[in-house]
Amino acid sequence: MTVAYRRDAPVTQANFSVSLRRVGGDVKVLDLTTEASGAAAVPLSDNGSISVAIDRLDLEPGTYWLDAGIYSKDWEVPYDYHWDAWRVHVLGIGTSGILQPPHAWRLDD
């Protein structure tokens, strides 16, 4: 996932976030930030982008909202925030859970 930015103000560093919520609910099933990943605030150039790679995300089938934000170094000022900006559709046969990790059933006699 890549977040592109263009700096219009004299901001030298920022924190980035992406989150995912199931449509119709407020519980975040994913909440990633540059800070929580161990990085300090990211130094900014005039134009750029930042990417996050997620190896696997075993979500239950359904529709989710993807949010993305750019914040001040101390998280007090949202420079840009896109809430319910993109829909993500996960296909498959669903249950009532949140996750659908790879699994196998084994009958022990």
C-alpha atoms as a PDB file:
ATOM      1  CA  MET A   1       0.000   0.000   0.000  1.00  0.00           C
ATOM      2  CA  THR A   2       1.450   3.378  -0.962  1.00  0.00           C
ATOM      3  CA  VAL A   3       0.531   6.830   0.333  1.00  0.00           C
ATOM      4  CA  ALA A   4       1.670   9.695  -1.894  1.00  0.00           C
ATOM      5  CA  TYR A   5       2.039  13.215  -0.533  1.00  0.00           C
ATOM      6  CA  ARG A   6       2.881  16.745  -1.635  1.00  0.00           C
ATOM      7  CA  ARG A   7       4.184  19.133   1.007  1.00  0.00           C
ATOM      8  CA  ASP A   8       2.582  22.595   0.771  1.00  0.00           C
ATOM      9  CA  ALA A   9       3.609  23.839   4.225  1.00  0.00           C
ATOM     10  CA  PRO A  10       6.973  24.058   5.997  1.00  0.00           C
ATOM     11  CA  VAL A  11       6.621  20.612   7.583  1.00  0.00           C
ATOM     12  CA  THR A  12       9.820  18.602   7.890  1.00  0.00           C
ATOM     13  CA  GLN A  13       8.555  15.395   9.567  1.00  0.00           C
ATOM     14  CA  ALA A  14       5.285  13.494   9.810  1.00  0.00           C
ATOM     15  CA  ASN A  15       3.705  10.284  11.076  1.00  0.00           C
ATOM     16  CA  PHE A  16       1.683   8.117   8.699  1.00  0.00           C
ATOM     17  CA  SER A  17      -1.195   5.771   9.461  1.00  0.00           C
ATOM     18  CA  VAL A  18      -3.432   3.303   7.650  1.00  0.00           C
ATOM     19  CA  SER A  19      -6.362   1.461   9.176  1.00  0.00           C
ATOM     20  CA  LEU A  20      -9.073  -0.923   8.088  1.00  0.00           C
ATOM     21  CA  ARG A  21     -12.596  -1.242   9.529  1.00  0.00           C
ATOM     22  CA  ARG A  22     -15.452  -3.500   8.518  1.00  0.00           C
ATOM     23  CA  VAL A  23     -18.263  -1.525   6.853  1.00  0.00           C
ATOM     24  CA  GLY A  24     -21.026  -1.000   9.412  1.00  0.00           C
ATOM     25  CA  GLY A  25     -18.703  -1.262  12.408  1.00  0.00           C
ATOM     26  CA  ASP A  26     -16.253   0.903  14.305  1.00  0.00           C
ATOM     27  CA  VAL A  27     -13.752  -1.785  15.338  1.00  0.00           C
ATOM     28  CA  LYS A  28     -10.437  -1.452  13.544  1.00  0.00           C
ATOM     29  CA  VAL A  29      -9.215  -4.798  12.267  1.00  0.00           C
ATOM     30  CA  LEU A  30      -5.919  -3.202  11.219  1.00  0.00           C
ATOM     31  CA  ASP A  31      -4.233  -0.077  12.579  1.00  0.00           C
ATOM     32  CA  LEU A  32      -0.684   0.567  11.369  1.00  0.00           C
ATOM     33  CA  THR A  33       1.436   3.646  12.049  1.00  0.00           C
ATOM     34  CA  THR A  34       5.016   4.505  11.241  1.00  0.00           C
ATOM     35  CA  GLU A  35       5.592   5.198  14.939  1.00  0.00           C
ATOM     36  CA  ALA A  36       4.157   1.885  16.189  1.00  0.00           C
ATOM     37  CA  SER A  37       6.318   0.098  13.624  1.00  0.00           C
ATOM     38  CA  GLY A  38       9.406   1.466  15.361  1.00  0.00           C
ATOM     39  CA  ALA A  39      10.152   4.406  13.087  1.00  0.00           C
ATOM     40  CA  ALA A  40      10.451   7.941  14.337  1.00  0.00           C
ATOM     41  CA  ALA A  41       8.551  10.643  12.485  1.00  0.00           C
ATOM     42  CA  VAL A  42       9.372  10.358   8.791  1.00  0.00           C
ATOM     43  CA  PRO A  43      11.441  13.148   7.172  1.00  0.00           C
ATOM     44  CA  LEU A  44       9.540  14.732   4.276  1.00  0.00           C
ATOM     45  CA  SER A  45      10.678  16.042   0.924  1.00  0.00           C
ATOM     46  CA  ASP A  46       8.497  18.347  -1.198  1.00  0.00           C
ATOM     47  CA  ASN A  47       6.890  15.408  -3.016  1.00  0.00           C
ATOM     48  CA  GLY A  48       7.105  11.762  -2.185  1.00  0.00           C
ATOM     49  CA  SER A  49       5.432   8.590  -1.107  1.00  0.00           C
ATOM     50  CA  ILE A  50       5.687   6.016   1.630  1.00  0.00           C
ATOM     51  CA  SER A  51       4.768   2.353   1.315  1.00  0.00           C
ATOM     52  CA  VAL A  52       3.858  -0.352   3.770  1.00  0.00           C
ATOM     53  CA  ALA A  53       3.976  -4.028   2.817  1.00  0.00           C
ATOM     54  CA  ILE A  54       1.621  -6.443   4.541  1.00  0.00           C
ATOM     55  CA  ASP A  55       2.686 -10.050   4.035  1.00  0.00           C
ATOM     56  CA  ARG A  56      -0.791 -11.454   4.623  1.00  0.00           C
ATOM     57  CA  LEU A  57      -4.060 -10.254   6.064  1.00  0.00           C
ATOM     58  CA  ASP A  58      -6.395 -13.131   6.830  1.00  0.00           C
ATOM     59  CA  LEU A  59      -9.634 -11.190   7.084  1.00  0.00           C
ATOM     60  CA  GLU A  60     -13.090 -12.658   7.135  1.00  0.00           C
ATOM     61  CA  PRO A  61     -14.856 -12.123   3.790  1.00  0.00           C
ATOM     62  CA  GLY A  62     -16.766  -8.848   3.664  1.00  0.00           C
ATOM     63  CA  THR A  63     -16.405  -5.176   2.854  1.00  0.00           C
ATOM     64  CA  TYR A  64     -13.993  -2.931   4.728  1.00  0.00           C
ATOM     65  CA  TRP A  65     -13.159   0.783   4.810  1.00  0.00           C
ATOM     66  CA  LEU A  66      -9.536   1.804   4.349  1.00  0.00           C
ATOM     67  CA  ASP A  67      -8.455   5.044   6.056  1.00  0.00           C
ATOM     68  CA  ALA A  68      -5.114   6.825   5.635  1.00  0.00           C
ATOM     69  CA  GLY A  69      -3.650   9.810   7.458  1.00  0.00           C
ATOM     70  CA  ILE A  70      -0.620  12.046   7.771  1.00  0.00           C
ATOM     71  CA  TYR A  71      -0.048  13.685  11.162  1.00  0.00           C
ATOM     72  CA  SER A  72       2.337  16.019  12.917  1.00  0.00           C
ATOM     73  CA  LYS A  73       5.348  14.574  14.719  1.00  0.00           C
ATOM     74  CA  ASP A  74       3.426  14.654  18.039  1.00  0.00           C
ATOM     75  CA  TRP A  75       0.152  13.343  16.486  1.00  0.00           C
ATOM     76  CA  GLU A  76      -1.679  16.534  17.557  1.00  0.00           C
ATOM     77  CA  VAL A  77      -2.315  17.951  14.061  1.00  0.00           C
ATOM     78  CA  PRO A  78      -3.819  15.916  11.211  1.00  0.00           C
ATOM     79  CA  TYR A  79      -2.246  17.287   8.023  1.00  0.00           C
ATOM     80  CA  ASP A  80      -4.388  15.070   5.831  1.00  0.00           C
ATOM     81  CA  TYR A  81      -6.844  12.310   6.695  1.00  0.00           C
ATOM     82  CA  HIS A  82      -9.001  10.224   4.398  1.00  0.00           C
ATOM     83  CA  TRP A  83     -11.783   8.513   6.374  1.00  0.00           C
ATOM     84  CA  ASP A  84     -13.933   5.889   4.627  1.00  0.00           C
ATOM     85  CA  ALA A  85     -11.967   6.810   1.537  1.00  0.00           C
ATOM     86  CA  TRP A  86     -11.626   3.410  -0.102  1.00  0.00           C
ATOM     87  CA  ARG A  87     -13.628   0.197   0.056  1.00  0.00           C
ATOM     88  CA  VAL A  88     -11.829  -3.124   0.179  1.00  0.00           C
ATOM     89  CA  HIS A  89     -13.801  -6.247  -0.745  1.00  0.00           C
ATOM     90  CA  VAL A  90     -12.607  -9.589   0.628  1.00  0.00           C
ATOM     91  CA  LEU A  91     -14.213 -12.514  -1.181  1.00  0.00           C
ATOM     92  CA  GLY A  92     -15.059 -15.939   0.196  1.00  0.00           C
ATOM     93  CA  ILE A  93     -17.549 -17.764   2.375  1.00  0.00           C
ATOM     94  CA  GLY A  94     -17.871 -15.903   5.656  1.00  0.00           C
ATOM     95  CA  THR A  95     -18.613 -16.767   9.248  1.00  0.00           C
ATOM     96  CA  SER A  96     -19.265 -14.455  12.179  1.00  0.00           C
ATOM     97  CA  GLY A  97     -15.604 -13.840  13.057  1.00  0.00           C
ATOM     98  CA  ILE A  98     -13.138 -11.129  12.103  1.00  0.00           C
ATOM     99  CA  LEU A  99     -10.232 -13.281  10.903  1.00  0.00           C
ATOM    100  CA  GLN A 100     -10.067 -16.243   8.557  1.00  0.00           C
ATOM    101  CA  PRO A 101      -6.530 -17.620   9.099  1.00  0.00           C
ATOM    102  CA  PRO A 102      -5.289 -20.586   7.091  1.00  0.00           C
ATOM    103  CA  HIS A 103      -6.343 -23.716   8.907  1.00  0.00           C
ATOM    104  CA  ALA A 104      -6.950 -27.441   8.538  1.00  0.00           C
ATOM    105  CA  TRP A 105      -9.267 -29.766  10.434  1.00  0.00           C
ATOM    106  CA  ARG A 106      -7.932 -33.122  11.584  1.00  0.00           C
ATOM    107  CA  LEU A 107     -10.033 -35.870  13.141  1.00  0.00           C
ATOM    108  CA  ASP A 108      -8.150 -37.779  15.840  1.00  0.00           C
ATOM    109  CA  ASP A 109      -9.571 -41.284  16.414  1.00  0.00           C
END
